[in-house]
Amino acid sequence: MAKIVFLDTHIAGKNPGYKKLEAIFANTEHELVGAECKSKEEVIEQAKDADAIITTYTPVDREIIESCPNLKVILRNAIGYEIFDFEAANERGIAVCNVPDYCTEEVATHTIALLLACYRKIKVSNDLVRSGDWKVIYGYQVRRLSTQTLGIIGFGRIARLVAGYAQAFGIKVIAHDPYVSEEDFKAYGVRGVSLEEIYKESDAICVNAPLTKDNYHMINEGTIAKMKDGVILVNTGRGQLISTTALVEAVKNGKVKAAGLDVLEEEPLKDATAEILNLENVIVTCHIAMDSLDAVFDNYIKAADSVIELLDGNITYNVLNKDHAFCEAV
């Protein structure tokens, strides 16, 4: 019997998906332990004899990994994986996983929703009406979608769906992803381009890339300067991909016409006076792009199934370090 420790039950314990996770493990020989880890010390205490760790928010670093001698699997039931120490996991042959495909449709839909809201000036007009005013001609200029070029940074599952949604509105789509072949771009009716071309040609830019050590603040004062005047920016990737300071200044001076953000550098952002929240041309949602009841269930089911398969010695589709995982030869 293996022991699986879920680190974040103080956050996810009432989630209907977590109840599904409990039900799945109840029908196995494995033991699922729901922990409420609010510090590294608590993680080490709760997971010291774990065979697998599941986490949503709590980072798993070298110190934690080295404190868990039985550990074989670390899984984040989310898409991003920046919270893991891969080097430490690789040294031990620990399989590191995410759940990369549980909310593809939801995030793509949210991306397009933010993009359309920016294009159609939804927030600006809504705020105006709620202030007791009514003007048809107010705020920034709106353009017909069929005249526009959307640049997508990153071209994985979500971005490919975003491209299809955008094309349905008549928007021309270009994309950049160094890991995608020209044939794959063409298969989706998209022209693969360099980042420089994204900045130069795009009327709107959607950021759908994961956060890595190499792309922190990839959207900054310098790269914004290369963009078209009046560009629209949408970020449903990670908040740290865009410099908030640079974005605020670009919106204030009109270089960026509007922005739609589901992710921020600081989360949760509870300071209502934060400048990014007080720009009328900026829409901010609280990291909800992944949310739907369907996605929640899909997430926890795939997390449970992956851990069970891995503990049985079978490689799964979502192992991020296949060359180092203990089950690589299976």
C-alpha atoms as a PDB file:
ATOM      1  CA  MET A   1       0.000   0.000   0.000  1.00  0.00           C
ATOM      2  CA  ALA A   2       1.313   3.428  -0.981  1.00  0.00           C
ATOM      3  CA  LYS A   3       0.728   6.680   0.882  1.00  0.00           C
ATOM      4  CA  ILE A   4      -0.381   9.713  -1.138  1.00  0.00           C
ATOM      5  CA  VAL A   5      -0.356  13.107   0.585  1.00  0.00           C
ATOM      6  CA  PHE A   6      -2.419  15.980  -0.791  1.00  0.00           C
ATOM      7  CA  LEU A   7      -0.837  19.140   0.591  1.00  0.00           C
ATOM      8  CA  ASP A   8      -3.575  21.736   0.114  1.00  0.00           C
ATOM      9  CA  THR A   9      -6.806  20.471   1.660  1.00  0.00           C
ATOM     10  CA  HIS A  10      -7.208  23.752   3.562  1.00  0.00           C
ATOM     11  CA  ILE A  11      -7.746  25.306   0.124  1.00  0.00           C
ATOM     12  CA  ALA A  12      -9.171  22.446  -1.949  1.00  0.00           C
ATOM     13  CA  GLY A  13     -10.848  20.285   0.679  1.00  0.00           C
ATOM     14  CA  LYS A  14     -14.347  21.583  -0.049  1.00  0.00           C
ATOM     15  CA  ASN A  15     -13.799  21.416  -3.797  1.00  0.00           C
ATOM     16  CA  PRO A  16     -16.147  18.880  -5.451  1.00  0.00           C
ATOM     17  CA  GLY A  17     -13.164  17.614  -7.397  1.00  0.00           C
ATOM     18  CA  TYR A  18     -11.357  16.721  -4.182  1.00  0.00           C
ATOM     19  CA  LYS A  19     -14.334  14.620  -3.131  1.00  0.00           C
ATOM     20  CA  LYS A  20     -13.944  12.783  -6.435  1.00  0.00           C
ATOM     21  CA  LEU A  21     -10.252  12.244  -5.650  1.00  0.00           C
ATOM     22  CA  GLU A  22     -11.135  10.756  -2.278  1.00  0.00           C
ATOM     23  CA  ALA A  23     -13.681   8.446  -3.865  1.00  0.00           C
ATOM     24  CA  ILE A  24     -11.204   7.168  -6.435  1.00  0.00           C
ATOM     25  CA  PHE A  25      -8.503   6.370  -3.879  1.00  0.00           C
ATOM     26  CA  ALA A  26     -11.062   4.785  -1.560  1.00  0.00           C
ATOM     27  CA  ASN A  27     -11.464   2.072  -4.189  1.00  0.00           C
ATOM     28  CA  THR A  28      -7.735   1.294  -4.280  1.00  0.00           C
ATOM     29  CA  GLU A  29      -5.276  -0.227  -1.859  1.00  0.00           C
ATOM     30  CA  HIS A  30      -3.565   3.136  -1.478  1.00  0.00           C
ATOM     31  CA  GLU A  31      -4.013   5.611   1.376  1.00  0.00           C
ATOM     32  CA  LEU A  32      -4.878   9.234   0.588  1.00  0.00           C
ATOM     33  CA  VAL A  33      -4.003  11.708   3.341  1.00  0.00           C
ATOM     34  CA  GLY A  34      -5.423  15.208   3.200  1.00  0.00           C
ATOM     35  CA  ALA A  35      -2.953  17.631   4.768  1.00  0.00           C
ATOM     36  CA  GLU A  36      -3.206  21.343   5.504  1.00  0.00           C
ATOM     37  CA  CYS A  37       0.351  22.476   4.864  1.00  0.00           C
ATOM     38  CA  LYS A  38       0.864  26.197   5.370  1.00  0.00           C
ATOM     39  CA  SER A  39       4.642  26.029   5.779  1.00  0.00           C
ATOM     40  CA  LYS A  40       7.577  23.999   4.515  1.00  0.00           C
ATOM     41  CA  GLU A  41       7.978  22.444   7.951  1.00  0.00           C
ATOM     42  CA  GLU A  42       4.412  21.183   7.820  1.00  0.00           C
ATOM     43  CA  VAL A  43       4.990  19.713   4.354  1.00  0.00           C
ATOM     44  CA  ILE A  44       8.056  17.830   5.573  1.00  0.00           C
ATOM     45  CA  GLU A  45       6.224  16.518   8.630  1.00  0.00           C
ATOM     46  CA  GLN A  46       3.140  15.405   6.714  1.00  0.00           C
ATOM     47  CA  ALA A  47       4.926  13.980   3.659  1.00  0.00           C
ATOM     48  CA  LYS A  48       8.074  12.468   5.188  1.00  0.00           C
ATOM     49  CA  ASP A  49       6.877   8.904   4.533  1.00  0.00           C
ATOM     50  CA  ALA A  50       4.837   9.628   1.392  1.00  0.00           C
ATOM     51  CA  ASP A  51       5.165   7.640  -1.823  1.00  0.00           C
ATOM     52  CA  ALA A  52       3.436  10.401  -3.777  1.00  0.00           C
ATOM     53  CA  ILE A  53       2.642  14.070  -3.266  1.00  0.00           C
ATOM     54  CA  ILE A  54      -0.208  15.937  -4.915  1.00  0.00           C
ATOM     55  CA  THR A  55      -0.158  19.717  -4.642  1.00  0.00           C
ATOM     56  CA  THR A  56      -2.061  22.600  -6.160  1.00  0.00           C
ATOM     57  CA  TYR A  57      -0.265  25.614  -4.713  1.00  0.00           C
ATOM     58  CA  THR A  58       2.417  24.451  -2.297  1.00  0.00           C
ATOM     59  CA  PRO A  59       5.950  24.356  -3.805  1.00  0.00           C
ATOM     60  CA  VAL A  60       8.024  21.204  -3.534  1.00  0.00           C
ATOM     61  CA  ASP A  61      11.724  22.083  -3.360  1.00  0.00           C
ATOM     62  CA  ARG A  62      14.963  20.201  -2.782  1.00  0.00           C
ATOM     63  CA  GLU A  63      14.689  20.271   1.004  1.00  0.00           C
ATOM     64  CA  ILE A  64      11.252  18.678   0.886  1.00  0.00           C
ATOM     65  CA  ILE A  65      12.316  16.095  -1.692  1.00  0.00           C
ATOM     66  CA  GLU A  66      15.370  15.098   0.323  1.00  0.00           C
ATOM     67  CA  SER A  67      13.196  14.742   3.432  1.00  0.00           C
ATOM     68  CA  CYS A  68      10.927  12.163   1.762  1.00  0.00           C
ATOM     69  CA  PRO A  69      12.951   8.969   1.175  1.00  0.00           C
ATOM     70  CA  ASN A  70      10.006   6.956  -0.209  1.00  0.00           C
ATOM     71  CA  LEU A  71       8.894   9.589  -2.705  1.00  0.00           C
ATOM     72  CA  LYS A  72       8.306   8.354  -6.268  1.00  0.00           C
ATOM     73  CA  VAL A  73       5.758  10.791  -7.685  1.00  0.00           C
ATOM     74  CA  ILE A  74       5.152  14.544  -7.391  1.00  0.00           C
ATOM     75  CA  LEU A  75       2.062  15.821  -9.196  1.00  0.00           C
ATOM     76  CA  ARG A  76       0.599  19.286  -9.468  1.00  0.00           C
ATOM     77  CA  ASN A  77      -3.079  19.180 -10.315  1.00  0.00           C
ATOM     78  CA  ALA A  78      -2.703  22.264 -12.474  1.00  0.00           C
ATOM     79  CA  ILE A  79      -0.969  23.132 -15.742  1.00  0.00           C
ATOM     80  CA  GLY A  80       2.019  25.142 -14.510  1.00  0.00           C
ATOM     81  CA  TYR A  81       5.013  23.358 -13.010  1.00  0.00           C
ATOM     82  CA  GLU A  82       7.283  26.200 -11.926  1.00  0.00           C
ATOM     83  CA  ILE A  83       6.773  25.245  -8.256  1.00  0.00           C
ATOM     84  CA  PHE A  84       8.912  22.086  -8.546  1.00  0.00           C
ATOM     85  CA  ASP A  85      12.670  21.556  -8.209  1.00  0.00           C
ATOM     86  CA  PHE A  86      13.305  19.359 -11.238  1.00  0.00           C
ATOM     87  CA  GLU A  87      17.015  18.937 -10.592  1.00  0.00           C
ATOM     88  CA  ALA A  88      16.403  17.460  -7.148  1.00  0.00           C
ATOM     89  CA  ALA A  89      13.614  15.231  -8.457  1.00  0.00           C
ATOM     90  CA  ASN A  90      15.715  14.027 -11.384  1.00  0.00           C
ATOM     91  CA  GLU A  91      18.574  13.050  -9.078  1.00  0.00           C
ATOM     92  CA  ARG A  92      16.186  10.755  -7.222  1.00  0.00           C
ATOM     93  CA  GLY A  93      14.345   9.447 -10.289  1.00  0.00           C
ATOM     94  CA  ILE A  94      11.077  10.928  -9.042  1.00  0.00           C
ATOM     95  CA  ALA A  95       8.366  11.353 -11.669  1.00  0.00           C
ATOM     96  CA  VAL A  96       7.204  14.986 -11.860  1.00  0.00           C
ATOM     97  CA  CYS A  97       3.780  15.560 -13.389  1.00  0.00           C
ATOM     98  CA  ASN A  98       1.139  18.162 -14.076  1.00  0.00           C
ATOM     99  CA  VAL A  99      -2.371  17.902 -15.515  1.00  0.00           C
ATOM    100  CA  PRO A 100      -1.835  19.769 -18.776  1.00  0.00           C
ATOM    101  CA  ASP A 101      -5.166  19.195 -20.481  1.00  0.00           C
ATOM    102  CA  TYR A 102      -7.960  19.440 -17.924  1.00  0.00           C
ATOM    103  CA  CYS A 103      -9.097  22.985 -18.810  1.00  0.00           C
ATOM    104  CA  THR A 104      -7.964  23.570 -22.387  1.00  0.00           C
ATOM    105  CA  GLU A 105     -11.412  24.635 -23.557  1.00  0.00           C
ATOM    106  CA  GLU A 106     -12.035  26.840 -20.536  1.00  0.00           C
ATOM    107  CA  VAL A 107      -8.772  28.803 -20.781  1.00  0.00           C
ATOM    108  CA  ALA A 108      -9.107  29.234 -24.530  1.00  0.00           C
ATOM    109  CA  THR A 109     -12.664  30.480 -24.082  1.00  0.00           C
ATOM    110  CA  HIS A 110     -11.586  32.912 -21.364  1.00  0.00           C
ATOM    111  CA  THR A 111      -8.737  34.166 -23.537  1.00  0.00           C
ATOM    112  CA  ILE A 112     -11.122  34.951 -26.360  1.00  0.00           C
ATOM    113  CA  ALA A 113     -13.622  36.487 -23.929  1.00  0.00           C
ATOM    114  CA  LEU A 114     -10.974  38.906 -22.658  1.00  0.00           C
ATOM    115  CA  LEU A 115      -9.815  39.640 -26.201  1.00  0.00           C
ATOM    116  CA  LEU A 116     -13.337  40.416 -27.426  1.00  0.00           C
ATOM    117  CA  ALA A 117     -14.108  42.460 -24.309  1.00  0.00           C
ATOM    118  CA  CYS A 118     -11.043  44.586 -25.025  1.00  0.00           C
ATOM    119  CA  TYR A 119     -11.850  44.943 -28.714  1.00  0.00           C
ATOM    120  CA  ARG A 120     -15.471  45.860 -28.063  1.00  0.00           C
ATOM    121  CA  LYS A 121     -14.674  48.209 -25.162  1.00  0.00           C
ATOM    122  CA  ILE A 122     -17.013  46.301 -22.834  1.00  0.00           C
ATOM    123  CA  LYS A 123     -15.476  47.389 -19.521  1.00  0.00           C
ATOM    124  CA  VAL A 124     -15.061  51.012 -20.585  1.00  0.00           C
ATOM    125  CA  SER A 125     -18.685  51.324 -21.663  1.00  0.00           C
ATOM    126  CA  ASN A 126     -20.040  49.371 -18.697  1.00  0.00           C
ATOM    127  CA  ASP A 127     -18.122  51.561 -16.247  1.00  0.00           C
ATOM    128  CA  LEU A 128     -19.377  54.679 -18.019  1.00  0.00           C
ATOM    129  CA  VAL A 129     -23.029  53.634 -17.802  1.00  0.00           C
ATOM    130  CA  ARG A 130     -22.654  52.676 -14.132  1.00  0.00           C
ATOM    131  CA  SER A 131     -21.204  56.111 -13.428  1.00  0.00           C
ATOM    132  CA  GLY A 132     -24.487  57.653 -14.603  1.00  0.00           C
ATOM    133  CA  ASP A 133     -23.180  58.745 -18.014  1.00  0.00           C
ATOM    134  CA  TRP A 134     -24.076  57.590 -21.513  1.00  0.00           C
ATOM    135  CA  LYS A 135     -21.831  58.270 -24.507  1.00  0.00           C
ATOM    136  CA  VAL A 136     -21.654  56.305 -27.744  1.00  0.00           C
ATOM    137  CA  ILE A 137     -18.370  57.902 -28.750  1.00  0.00           C
ATOM    138  CA  TYR A 138     -16.109  57.477 -25.724  1.00  0.00           C
ATOM    139  CA  GLY A 139     -12.748  55.873 -24.989  1.00  0.00           C
ATOM    140  CA  TYR A 140     -10.331  54.303 -27.408  1.00  0.00           C
ATOM    141  CA  GLN A 141     -11.032  53.554 -31.071  1.00  0.00           C
ATOM    142  CA  VAL A 142     -12.537  50.196 -31.977  1.00  0.00           C
ATOM    143  CA  ARG A 143     -11.481  48.229 -35.070  1.00  0.00           C
ATOM    144  CA  ARG A 144     -13.330  45.638 -37.133  1.00  0.00           C
ATOM    145  CA  LEU A 145     -12.045  42.168 -36.193  1.00  0.00           C
ATOM    146  CA  SER A 146     -11.541  41.067 -39.783  1.00  0.00           C
ATOM    147  CA  THR A 147      -8.919  43.802 -40.198  1.00  0.00           C
ATOM    148  CA  GLN A 148      -6.878  42.574 -37.244  1.00  0.00           C
ATOM    149  CA  THR A 149      -3.856  40.319 -36.699  1.00  0.00           C
ATOM    150  CA  LEU A 150      -3.574  38.340 -33.495  1.00  0.00           C
ATOM    151  CA  GLY A 151      -0.135  37.238 -32.342  1.00  0.00           C
ATOM    152  CA  ILE A 152      -0.038  34.264 -29.982  1.00  0.00           C
ATOM    153  CA  ILE A 153       3.018  33.601 -27.821  1.00  0.00           C
ATOM    154  CA  GLY A 154       3.182  29.874 -27.134  1.00  0.00           C
ATOM    155  CA  PHE A 155       1.348  27.378 -29.328  1.00  0.00           C
ATOM    156  CA  GLY A 156       0.329  24.446 -27.176  1.00  0.00           C
ATOM    157  CA  ARG A 157      -3.120  22.951 -26.605  1.00  0.00           C
ATOM    158  CA  ILE A 158      -4.769  26.134 -25.372  1.00  0.00           C
ATOM    159  CA  ALA A 159      -3.219  28.447 -27.937  1.00  0.00           C
ATOM    160  CA  ARG A 160      -4.270  26.182 -30.811  1.00  0.00           C
ATOM    161  CA  LEU A 161      -7.868  26.374 -29.670  1.00  0.00           C
ATOM    162  CA  VAL A 162      -7.545  30.150 -29.248  1.00  0.00           C
ATOM    163  CA  ALA A 163      -6.328  30.361 -32.833  1.00  0.00           C
ATOM    164  CA  GLY A 164      -9.390  28.500 -34.098  1.00  0.00           C
ATOM    165  CA  TYR A 165     -11.768  30.668 -32.095  1.00  0.00           C
ATOM    166  CA  ALA A 166     -10.090  33.842 -33.349  1.00  0.00           C
ATOM    167  CA  GLN A 167     -10.165  32.672 -36.953  1.00  0.00           C
ATOM    168  CA  ALA A 168     -13.910  32.097 -36.633  1.00  0.00           C
ATOM    169  CA  PHE A 169     -14.213  35.877 -36.140  1.00  0.00           C
ATOM    170  CA  GLY A 170     -12.126  36.543 -39.240  1.00  0.00           C
ATOM    171  CA  ILE A 171      -8.971  37.475 -37.330  1.00  0.00           C
ATOM    172  CA  LYS A 172      -5.633  36.639 -38.970  1.00  0.00           C
ATOM    173  CA  VAL A 173      -3.437  34.611 -36.610  1.00  0.00           C
ATOM    174  CA  ILE A 174       0.334  34.392 -36.319  1.00  0.00           C
ATOM    175  CA  ALA A 175       2.167  32.572 -33.537  1.00  0.00           C
ATOM    176  CA  HIS A 176       5.566  32.008 -31.974  1.00  0.00           C
ATOM    177  CA  ASP A 177       6.739  28.838 -30.270  1.00  0.00           C
ATOM    178  CA  PRO A 178      10.313  27.563 -30.657  1.00  0.00           C
ATOM    179  CA  TYR A 179       9.180  23.995 -29.927  1.00  0.00           C
ATOM    180  CA  VAL A 180       6.536  23.782 -32.666  1.00  0.00           C
ATOM    181  CA  SER A 181       7.266  22.754 -36.258  1.00  0.00           C
ATOM    182  CA  GLU A 182       6.209  24.740 -39.300  1.00  0.00           C
ATOM    183  CA  GLU A 183       3.976  21.814 -40.288  1.00  0.00           C
ATOM    184  CA  ASP A 184       2.079  22.100 -36.991  1.00  0.00           C
ATOM    185  CA  PHE A 185       1.538  25.819 -37.466  1.00  0.00           C
ATOM    186  CA  LYS A 186       0.249  25.220 -40.991  1.00  0.00           C
ATOM    187  CA  ALA A 187      -2.092  22.481 -39.768  1.00  0.00           C
ATOM    188  CA  TYR A 188      -3.938  25.129 -37.777  1.00  0.00           C
ATOM    189  CA  GLY A 189      -3.915  27.743 -40.521  1.00  0.00           C
ATOM    190  CA  VAL A 190      -1.381  29.816 -38.598  1.00  0.00           C
ATOM    191  CA  ARG A 191       1.893  31.363 -39.740  1.00  0.00           C
ATOM    192  CA  GLY A 192       4.784  30.602 -37.424  1.00  0.00           C
ATOM    193  CA  VAL A 193       6.937  33.681 -36.845  1.00  0.00           C
ATOM    194  CA  SER A 194       9.695  35.041 -34.622  1.00  0.00           C
ATOM    195  CA  LEU A 195       8.990  37.029 -31.466  1.00  0.00           C
ATOM    196  CA  GLU A 196      10.194  40.139 -33.269  1.00  0.00           C
ATOM    197  CA  GLU A 197       7.526  39.580 -35.926  1.00  0.00           C
ATOM    198  CA  ILE A 198       4.885  39.040 -33.242  1.00  0.00           C
ATOM    199  CA  TYR A 199       5.722  42.427 -31.743  1.00  0.00           C
ATOM    200  CA  LYS A 200       5.905  44.177 -35.112  1.00  0.00           C
ATOM    201  CA  GLU A 201       2.840  42.754 -36.873  1.00  0.00           C
ATOM    202  CA  SER A 202       0.242  42.085 -34.179  1.00  0.00           C
ATOM    203  CA  ASP A 203      -2.716  44.327 -33.414  1.00  0.00           C
ATOM    204  CA  ALA A 204      -3.360  42.153 -30.370  1.00  0.00           C
ATOM    205  CA  ILE A 205      -1.112  39.707 -28.524  1.00  0.00           C
ATOM    206  CA  CYS A 206      -2.226  36.757 -26.396  1.00  0.00           C
ATOM    207  CA  VAL A 207       0.286  35.220 -24.008  1.00  0.00           C
ATOM    208  CA  ASN A 208      -0.346  31.483 -23.651  1.00  0.00           C
ATOM    209  CA  ALA A 209       3.130  30.334 -22.627  1.00  0.00           C
ATOM    210  CA  PRO A 210       4.241  28.586 -19.435  1.00  0.00           C
ATOM    211  CA  LEU A 211       6.568  30.432 -17.071  1.00  0.00           C
ATOM    212  CA  THR A 212      10.210  29.384 -17.279  1.00  0.00           C
ATOM    213  CA  LYS A 213      13.472  30.844 -16.020  1.00  0.00           C
ATOM    214  CA  ASP A 214      14.083  32.204 -19.532  1.00  0.00           C
ATOM    215  CA  ASN A 215      10.830  34.101 -20.172  1.00  0.00           C
ATOM    216  CA  TYR A 216      10.264  35.972 -16.904  1.00  0.00           C
ATOM    217  CA  HIS A 217       9.075  39.503 -17.843  1.00  0.00           C
ATOM    218  CA  MET A 218       9.318  38.712 -21.543  1.00  0.00           C
ATOM    219  CA  ILE A 219       6.779  41.503 -22.009  1.00  0.00           C
ATOM    220  CA  ASN A 220       8.634  44.514 -20.646  1.00  0.00           C
ATOM    221  CA  GLU A 221       9.392  48.127 -21.461  1.00  0.00           C
ATOM    222  CA  GLY A 222      11.736  47.130 -24.279  1.00  0.00           C
ATOM    223  CA  THR A 223       9.475  44.594 -25.961  1.00  0.00           C
ATOM    224  CA  ILE A 224       6.383  46.778 -25.605  1.00  0.00           C
ATOM    225  CA  ALA A 225       8.282  49.533 -27.424  1.00  0.00           C
ATOM    226  CA  LYS A 226       8.584  47.183 -30.414  1.00  0.00           C
ATOM    227  CA  MET A 227       4.810  46.674 -30.608  1.00  0.00           C
ATOM    228  CA  LYS A 228       2.293  48.606 -32.662  1.00  0.00           C
ATOM    229  CA  ASP A 229       0.861  51.739 -31.109  1.00  0.00           C
ATOM    230  CA  GLY A 230      -2.499  50.845 -29.610  1.00  0.00           C
ATOM    231  CA  VAL A 231      -1.803  47.135 -29.242  1.00  0.00           C
ATOM    232  CA  ILE A 232      -4.112  44.976 -27.105  1.00  0.00           C
ATOM    233  CA  LEU A 233      -2.522  42.529 -24.625  1.00  0.00           C
ATOM    234  CA  VAL A 234      -4.196  39.454 -23.138  1.00  0.00           C
ATOM    235  CA  ASN A 235      -2.513  37.203 -20.579  1.00  0.00           C
ATOM    236  CA  THR A 236      -3.966  33.877 -19.459  1.00  0.00           C
ATOM    237  CA  GLY A 237      -0.548  32.239 -19.027  1.00  0.00           C
ATOM    238  CA  ARG A 238       1.364  33.379 -15.953  1.00  0.00           C
ATOM    239  CA  GLY A 239       1.436  36.848 -14.417  1.00  0.00           C
ATOM    240  CA  GLN A 240       5.224  36.966 -14.262  1.00  0.00           C
ATOM    241  CA  LEU A 241       5.451  36.862 -18.057  1.00  0.00           C
ATOM    242  CA  ILE A 242       4.471  40.538 -18.136  1.00  0.00           C
ATOM    243  CA  SER A 243       6.095  43.339 -16.167  1.00  0.00           C
ATOM    244  CA  THR A 244       3.211  45.031 -14.376  1.00  0.00           C
ATOM    245  CA  THR A 245       5.168  48.274 -14.083  1.00  0.00           C
ATOM    246  CA  ALA A 246       5.851  48.352 -17.821  1.00  0.00           C
ATOM    247  CA  LEU A 247       2.259  47.463 -18.677  1.00  0.00           C
ATOM    248  CA  VAL A 248       0.793  50.155 -16.436  1.00  0.00           C
ATOM    249  CA  GLU A 249       3.007  52.806 -18.006  1.00  0.00           C
ATOM    250  CA  ALA A 250       2.188  51.584 -21.533  1.00  0.00           C
ATOM    251  CA  VAL A 251      -1.555  51.727 -20.877  1.00  0.00           C
ATOM    252  CA  LYS A 252      -1.265  55.201 -19.367  1.00  0.00           C
ATOM    253  CA  ASN A 253       0.667  56.563 -22.343  1.00  0.00           C
ATOM    254  CA  GLY A 254      -1.557  54.826 -24.892  1.00  0.00           C
ATOM    255  CA  LYS A 255       1.025  52.450 -26.333  1.00  0.00           C
ATOM    256  CA  VAL A 256      -1.169  49.604 -25.079  1.00  0.00           C
ATOM    257  CA  LYS A 257      -4.789  50.395 -25.928  1.00  0.00           C
ATOM    258  CA  ALA A 258      -6.308  47.811 -23.610  1.00  0.00           C
ATOM    259  CA  ALA A 259      -5.377  44.718 -21.650  1.00  0.00           C
ATOM    260  CA  GLY A 260      -7.202  41.649 -20.406  1.00  0.00           C
ATOM    261  CA  LEU A 261      -5.475  39.834 -17.553  1.00  0.00           C
ATOM    262  CA  ASP A 262      -6.511  36.653 -15.787  1.00  0.00           C
ATOM    263  CA  VAL A 263      -3.116  36.382 -14.080  1.00  0.00           C
ATOM    264  CA  LEU A 264      -0.993  38.913 -12.220  1.00  0.00           C
ATOM    265  CA  GLU A 265       2.518  39.045 -10.821  1.00  0.00           C
ATOM    266  CA  GLU A 266       1.054  39.296  -7.337  1.00  0.00           C
ATOM    267  CA  GLU A 267      -1.713  36.828  -6.526  1.00  0.00           C
ATOM    268  CA  PRO A 268      -4.005  37.204  -4.773  1.00  0.00           C
ATOM    269  CA  LEU A 269      -4.045  40.962  -5.306  1.00  0.00           C
ATOM    270  CA  LYS A 270      -6.296  42.389  -2.599  1.00  0.00           C
ATOM    271  CA  ASP A 271      -5.113  45.989  -2.714  1.00  0.00           C
ATOM    272  CA  ALA A 272      -7.999  47.802  -4.376  1.00  0.00           C
ATOM    273  CA  THR A 273      -5.769  50.852  -4.811  1.00  0.00           C
ATOM    274  CA  ALA A 274      -3.237  48.989  -6.977  1.00  0.00           C
ATOM    275  CA  GLU A 275      -2.703  51.019 -10.127  1.00  0.00           C
ATOM    276  CA  ILE A 276      -3.305  48.087 -12.473  1.00  0.00           C
ATOM    277  CA  LEU A 277      -6.844  47.778 -11.034  1.00  0.00           C
ATOM    278  CA  ASN A 278      -7.648  51.437 -11.559  1.00  0.00           C
ATOM    279  CA  LEU A 279      -6.981  51.761 -15.273  1.00  0.00           C
ATOM    280  CA  GLU A 280     -10.275  51.899 -17.163  1.00  0.00           C
ATOM    281  CA  ASN A 281      -8.784  50.105 -20.177  1.00  0.00           C
ATOM    282  CA  VAL A 282      -7.640  47.073 -18.171  1.00  0.00           C
ATOM    283  CA  ILE A 283      -9.831  44.069 -17.316  1.00  0.00           C
ATOM    284  CA  VAL A 284      -8.621  41.835 -14.479  1.00  0.00           C
ATOM    285  CA  THR A 285     -10.166  38.516 -13.498  1.00  0.00           C
ATOM    286  CA  CYS A 286      -8.920  36.508 -10.519  1.00  0.00           C
ATOM    287  CA  HIS A 287      -7.185  33.552 -12.207  1.00  0.00           C
ATOM    288  CA  ILE A 288     -10.487  31.924 -13.155  1.00  0.00           C
ATOM    289  CA  ALA A 289      -9.769  31.012 -16.776  1.00  0.00           C
ATOM    290  CA  MET A 290      -9.533  27.328 -15.872  1.00  0.00           C
ATOM    291  CA  ASP A 291     -12.828  27.261 -14.014  1.00  0.00           C
ATOM    292  CA  SER A 292     -15.825  25.099 -14.841  1.00  0.00           C
ATOM    293  CA  LEU A 293     -17.366  22.199 -12.981  1.00  0.00           C
ATOM    294  CA  ASP A 294     -16.393  19.929 -15.872  1.00  0.00           C
ATOM    295  CA  ALA A 295     -12.764  21.028 -15.707  1.00  0.00           C
ATOM    296  CA  VAL A 296     -12.622  20.592 -11.935  1.00  0.00           C
ATOM    297  CA  PHE A 297     -13.772  16.980 -12.147  1.00  0.00           C
ATOM    298  CA  ASP A 298     -11.468  16.302 -15.104  1.00  0.00           C
ATOM    299  CA  ASN A 299      -8.519  17.721 -13.167  1.00  0.00           C
ATOM    300  CA  TYR A 300      -8.881  15.564 -10.063  1.00  0.00           C
ATOM    301  CA  ILE A 301      -9.783  12.407 -11.962  1.00  0.00           C
ATOM    302  CA  LYS A 302      -6.694  12.729 -14.165  1.00  0.00           C
ATOM    303  CA  ALA A 303      -4.534  13.499 -11.121  1.00  0.00           C
ATOM    304  CA  ALA A 304      -5.728  10.380  -9.311  1.00  0.00           C
ATOM    305  CA  ASP A 305      -5.454   8.139 -12.360  1.00  0.00           C
ATOM    306  CA  SER A 306      -1.928   9.354 -13.100  1.00  0.00           C
ATOM    307  CA  VAL A 307      -0.653   8.754  -9.568  1.00  0.00           C
ATOM    308  CA  ILE A 308      -2.172   5.270  -9.487  1.00  0.00           C
ATOM    309  CA  GLU A 309      -0.666   4.356 -12.864  1.00  0.00           C
ATOM    310  CA  LEU A 310       2.756   5.643 -11.880  1.00  0.00           C
ATOM    311  CA  LEU A 311       2.776   3.814  -8.572  1.00  0.00           C
ATOM    312  CA  ASP A 312       1.959   0.669 -10.557  1.00  0.00           C
ATOM    313  CA  GLY A 313       5.125   1.325 -12.574  1.00  0.00           C
ATOM    314  CA  ASN A 314       3.451   2.579 -15.742  1.00  0.00           C
ATOM    315  CA  ILE A 315       4.589   5.748 -17.482  1.00  0.00           C
ATOM    316  CA  THR A 316       1.828   8.314 -18.019  1.00  0.00           C
ATOM    317  CA  TYR A 317       1.329  10.972 -20.684  1.00  0.00           C
ATOM    318  CA  ASN A 318       1.887  13.839 -18.255  1.00  0.00           C
ATOM    319  CA  VAL A 319       5.311  12.956 -16.823  1.00  0.00           C
ATOM    320  CA  LEU A 320       7.441  16.037 -17.414  1.00  0.00           C
ATOM    321  CA  ASN A 321      10.821  14.373 -16.814  1.00  0.00           C
ATOM    322  CA  LYS A 322      10.434  11.066 -18.625  1.00  0.00           C
ATOM    323  CA  ASP A 323      14.197  10.709 -19.122  1.00  0.00           C
ATOM    324  CA  HIS A 324      14.728  10.686 -15.360  1.00  0.00           C
ATOM    325  CA  ALA A 325      11.577   9.136 -13.921  1.00  0.00           C
ATOM    326  CA  PHE A 326      11.912   5.825 -12.076  1.00  0.00           C
ATOM    327  CA  CYS A 327       9.474   4.145 -14.458  1.00  0.00           C
ATOM    328  CA  GLU A 328      11.103   5.317 -17.690  1.00  0.00           C
ATOM    329  CA  ALA A 329      11.905   1.782 -18.821  1.00  0.00           C
ATOM    330  CA  VAL A 330       8.345   0.510 -18.368  1.00  0.00           C
END
